[in-house]
Amino acid sequence: MLKTVVIADDEPITRMDLCEILKGAGYKVVGEASDGFDAVEICRKHKPDLVLMDVKMPLLDGLKATKIIINEELSDSVVLLTAYSGNEFVEQAKEAGVMCFLVKPFDEKHLLPAIEVALSRGREIKRMKNHVEKVRGDLESRKVIERAKGILMKRYEITEEEAYNKIRKLSMDKRCAMIKIADTVILNETQLL
């Protein structure tokens, strides 16, 4: 599957060069922007795998645009391309969440490996976030089911195992998730109060 890229740089020649390098290497450039505002909007539309972002651009600079892209999870990776290599820019880049920082002028032999590493890191972070969300969801479901078991144990004077089996049987009979049955048990209990 082609990896999608958005290029954001206020220099048309730089965008054209990057586009040529990326297409030649098998990437699909889904959008080009000359400022950070347009870069964010293109990312909202296409959700690219990678954004190549210049730092100094009109309207919205690359660092601020990167923060928006990372915070809204509009792309898995952002690589900053800049002529500025001062510590302040490096620190701001780290704070923004970029995967890589390349100083202009760059060439294909440095750019492509940096992009591959950034893409790999972005995918790994996305996998970790998804895993954390799944674990968080499982934990919340478990809390709700535990609360519903407690209600059933008290109401019917049954054991914890019997309460769990009651929820599970209702779940199978109704062909829905146990969490829905547990939510219903809790809702029913709160309405009785």
Protein backbone atom coordinates (compact mmCIF):
# COMPACT_ATOMS: atom_id res chain seq x y z
CA MET A 1 0.00 0.00 0.00
CA LEU A 2 1.30 3.46 -0.92
CA LYS A 3 2.29 5.65 1.99
CA THR A 4 0.60 9.04 1.78
CA VAL A 5 2.45 12.31 2.35
CA VAL A 6 1.57 15.99 2.67
CA ILE A 7 4.30 18.51 1.88
CA ALA A 8 4.18 21.93 3.55
CA ASP A 9 6.79 24.49 2.51
CA ASP A 10 6.44 28.11 1.41
CA GLU A 11 9.07 27.61 -1.32
CA PRO A 12 7.47 26.17 -4.50
CA ILE A 13 10.85 24.84 -5.72
CA THR A 14 11.37 22.92 -2.48
CA ARG A 15 7.85 21.44 -2.68
CA MET A 16 8.47 20.43 -6.28
CA ASP A 17 11.83 18.79 -5.41
CA LEU A 18 10.31 16.94 -2.46
CA CYS A 19 7.37 15.82 -4.56
CA GLU A 20 9.70 14.44 -7.23
CA ILE A 21 11.89 12.59 -4.69
CA LEU A 22 8.89 11.10 -2.89
CA LYS A 23 7.03 10.00 -6.00
CA GLY A 24 10.24 8.46 -7.33
CA ALA A 25 10.58 6.50 -4.08
CA GLY A 26 7.01 5.16 -4.28
CA TYR A 27 5.16 7.56 -1.96
CA LYS A 28 1.85 9.17 -2.83
CA VAL A 29 1.79 12.95 -2.31
CA VAL A 30 -1.84 13.71 -1.43
CA GLY A 31 -1.41 17.44 -0.88
CA GLU A 32 0.91 20.42 -0.91
CA ALA A 33 0.65 23.55 1.20
CA SER A 34 2.49 26.85 1.26
CA ASP A 35 1.58 27.65 4.87
CA GLY A 36 0.75 25.84 8.10
CA PHE A 37 -2.95 26.65 7.95
CA ASP A 38 -3.39 24.92 4.59
CA ALA A 39 -1.23 22.02 5.80
CA VAL A 40 -3.58 21.40 8.72
CA GLU A 41 -6.65 21.59 6.47
CA ILE A 42 -5.13 19.16 3.95
CA CYS A 43 -4.29 16.79 6.80
CA ARG A 44 -7.86 16.99 8.11
CA LYS A 45 -9.07 15.97 4.66
CA HIS A 46 -6.54 13.23 3.82
CA LYS A 47 -5.14 11.96 7.17
CA PRO A 48 -1.73 11.25 5.61
CA ASP A 49 0.79 8.78 6.97
CA LEU A 50 3.45 11.52 7.01
CA VAL A 51 3.76 15.30 6.85
CA LEU A 52 6.95 17.01 5.70
CA MET A 53 6.75 20.43 7.35
CA ASP A 54 8.86 23.54 6.96
CA VAL A 55 9.21 25.63 10.13
CA LYS A 56 9.12 29.20 8.86
CA MET A 57 5.92 29.73 6.87
CA PRO A 58 3.35 32.52 6.64
CA LEU A 59 -0.02 32.61 8.44
CA LEU A 60 0.69 29.62 10.71
CA ASP A 61 4.26 28.44 11.22
CA GLY A 62 5.26 24.80 10.95
CA LEU A 63 5.71 24.23 14.68
CA LYS A 64 2.22 25.46 15.54
CA ALA A 65 0.73 23.53 12.62
CA THR A 66 2.58 20.42 13.81
CA LYS A 67 1.10 20.75 17.30
CA ILE A 68 -2.40 20.86 15.81
CA ILE A 69 -1.71 17.89 13.52
CA ILE A 70 -0.28 15.81 16.38
CA ASN A 71 -2.97 16.82 18.92
CA GLU A 72 -5.81 16.08 16.50
CA GLU A 73 -4.08 12.88 15.34
CA LEU A 74 -4.30 13.97 11.70
CA SER A 75 -1.11 12.12 10.75
CA ASP A 76 1.03 9.38 12.24
CA SER A 77 4.31 11.28 11.74
CA VAL A 78 5.62 14.77 11.14
CA VAL A 79 9.14 15.44 9.87
CA LEU A 80 10.36 19.03 10.16
CA LEU A 81 12.48 20.40 7.35
CA THR A 82 14.13 23.66 8.21
CA ALA A 83 17.11 25.90 7.56
CA TYR A 84 17.19 26.64 11.29
CA SER A 85 19.09 24.31 13.57
CA GLY A 86 19.29 26.34 16.77
CA ASN A 87 18.57 24.69 20.09
CA GLU A 88 15.35 26.67 20.50
CA PHE A 89 13.94 25.14 17.30
CA VAL A 90 15.03 21.65 18.31
CA GLU A 91 13.37 22.05 21.72
CA GLN A 92 10.17 23.40 20.16
CA ALA A 93 10.19 20.52 17.68
CA LYS A 94 10.47 18.00 20.51
CA GLU A 95 7.63 19.69 22.39
CA ALA A 96 5.47 19.66 19.25
CA GLY A 97 5.94 15.90 18.87
CA VAL A 98 7.86 15.66 15.60
CA MET A 99 9.43 12.34 14.66
CA CYS A 100 12.45 13.80 12.88
CA PHE A 101 14.19 17.13 12.35
CA LEU A 102 16.16 17.61 9.12
CA VAL A 103 18.24 20.69 8.38
CA LYS A 104 18.15 22.14 4.86
CA PRO A 105 19.75 21.67 2.47
CA PHE A 106 19.09 17.94 2.50
CA ASP A 107 19.45 15.28 -0.13
CA GLU A 108 17.59 12.13 -1.05
CA LYS A 109 20.05 9.81 0.71
CA HIS A 110 19.35 11.56 4.05
CA LEU A 111 15.68 12.32 3.51
CA LEU A 112 14.34 8.87 2.60
CA PRO A 113 15.85 6.95 5.55
CA ALA A 114 14.62 9.67 7.94
CA ILE A 115 11.12 9.36 6.47
CA GLU A 116 11.11 5.57 6.84
CA VAL A 117 12.23 5.78 10.47
CA ALA A 118 9.61 8.48 11.20
CA LEU A 119 6.88 6.38 9.58
CA SER A 120 7.91 3.32 11.57
CA ARG A 121 7.95 5.27 14.85
CA GLY A 122 4.57 6.80 14.03
CA ARG A 123 3.01 3.39 13.40
CA GLU A 124 4.47 2.05 16.64
CA ILE A 125 3.11 4.97 18.65
CA LYS A 126 -0.29 4.54 17.02
CA ARG A 127 -0.29 0.82 17.94
CA MET A 128 0.61 1.67 21.54
CA LYS A 129 -2.13 4.31 21.77
CA ASN A 130 -4.70 1.86 20.39
CA HIS A 131 -3.58 -0.78 22.89
CA VAL A 132 -3.84 1.69 25.79
CA GLU A 133 -7.33 2.71 24.66
CA LYS A 134 -8.41 -0.93 24.44
CA VAL A 135 -7.06 -1.67 27.93
CA ARG A 136 -8.75 1.47 29.27
CA GLY A 137 -12.05 0.43 27.68
CA ASP A 138 -11.75 -3.11 29.05
CA LEU A 139 -11.08 -1.72 32.53
CA GLU A 140 -14.11 0.57 32.36
CA SER A 141 -16.28 -2.33 31.19
CA ARG A 142 -15.00 -4.48 34.03
CA LYS A 143 -15.89 -1.75 36.56
CA VAL A 144 -19.43 -1.50 35.22
CA ILE A 145 -19.88 -5.28 35.21
CA GLU A 146 -18.56 -5.47 38.79
CA ARG A 147 -21.04 -2.82 39.88
CA ALA A 148 -23.90 -4.64 38.14
CA LYS A 149 -22.85 -7.92 39.79
CA GLY A 150 -22.99 -6.20 43.19
CA ILE A 151 -26.50 -4.95 42.49
CA LEU A 152 -27.68 -8.41 41.43
CA MET A 153 -26.00 -10.08 44.42
CA LYS A 154 -27.79 -7.74 46.80
CA ARG A 155 -31.15 -7.83 45.02
CA TYR A 156 -31.36 -11.63 44.61
CA GLU A 157 -29.08 -12.67 47.51
CA ILE A 158 -26.86 -14.68 45.17
CA THR A 159 -23.13 -15.29 44.95
CA GLU A 160 -20.75 -13.28 42.80
CA GLU A 161 -20.40 -16.19 40.38
CA GLU A 162 -24.18 -16.53 40.07
CA ALA A 163 -24.50 -12.78 39.40
CA TYR A 164 -21.80 -12.98 36.73
CA ASN A 165 -23.48 -16.01 35.12
CA LYS A 166 -26.82 -14.16 35.12
CA ILE A 167 -25.27 -11.19 33.27
CA ARG A 168 -23.49 -13.51 30.84
CA LYS A 169 -26.67 -15.53 30.13
CA LEU A 170 -28.69 -12.37 29.51
CA SER A 171 -25.93 -11.16 27.21
CA MET A 172 -26.08 -14.37 25.19
CA ASP A 173 -29.90 -14.48 25.15
CA LYS A 174 -30.15 -10.85 24.02
CA ARG A 175 -27.16 -11.19 21.68
CA CYS A 176 -25.43 -8.11 23.00
CA ALA A 177 -22.31 -7.27 24.96
CA MET A 178 -22.19 -7.91 28.69
CA ILE A 179 -21.48 -4.23 29.22
CA LYS A 180 -24.91 -3.35 27.78
CA ILE A 181 -26.62 -5.75 30.17
CA ALA A 182 -24.57 -4.37 33.06
CA ASP A 183 -25.48 -0.78 32.08
CA THR A 184 -29.15 -1.79 31.99
CA VAL A 185 -28.95 -3.42 35.44
CA ILE A 186 -27.37 -0.25 36.85
CA LEU A 187 -29.86 2.03 35.08
CA ASN A 188 -32.76 -0.05 36.36
CA GLU A 189 -31.39 0.11 39.92
CA THR A 190 -30.93 3.90 39.83
CA GLN A 191 -34.50 4.36 38.53
CA LEU A 192 -35.85 2.32 41.44
CA LEU A 193 -34.20 4.61 43.98
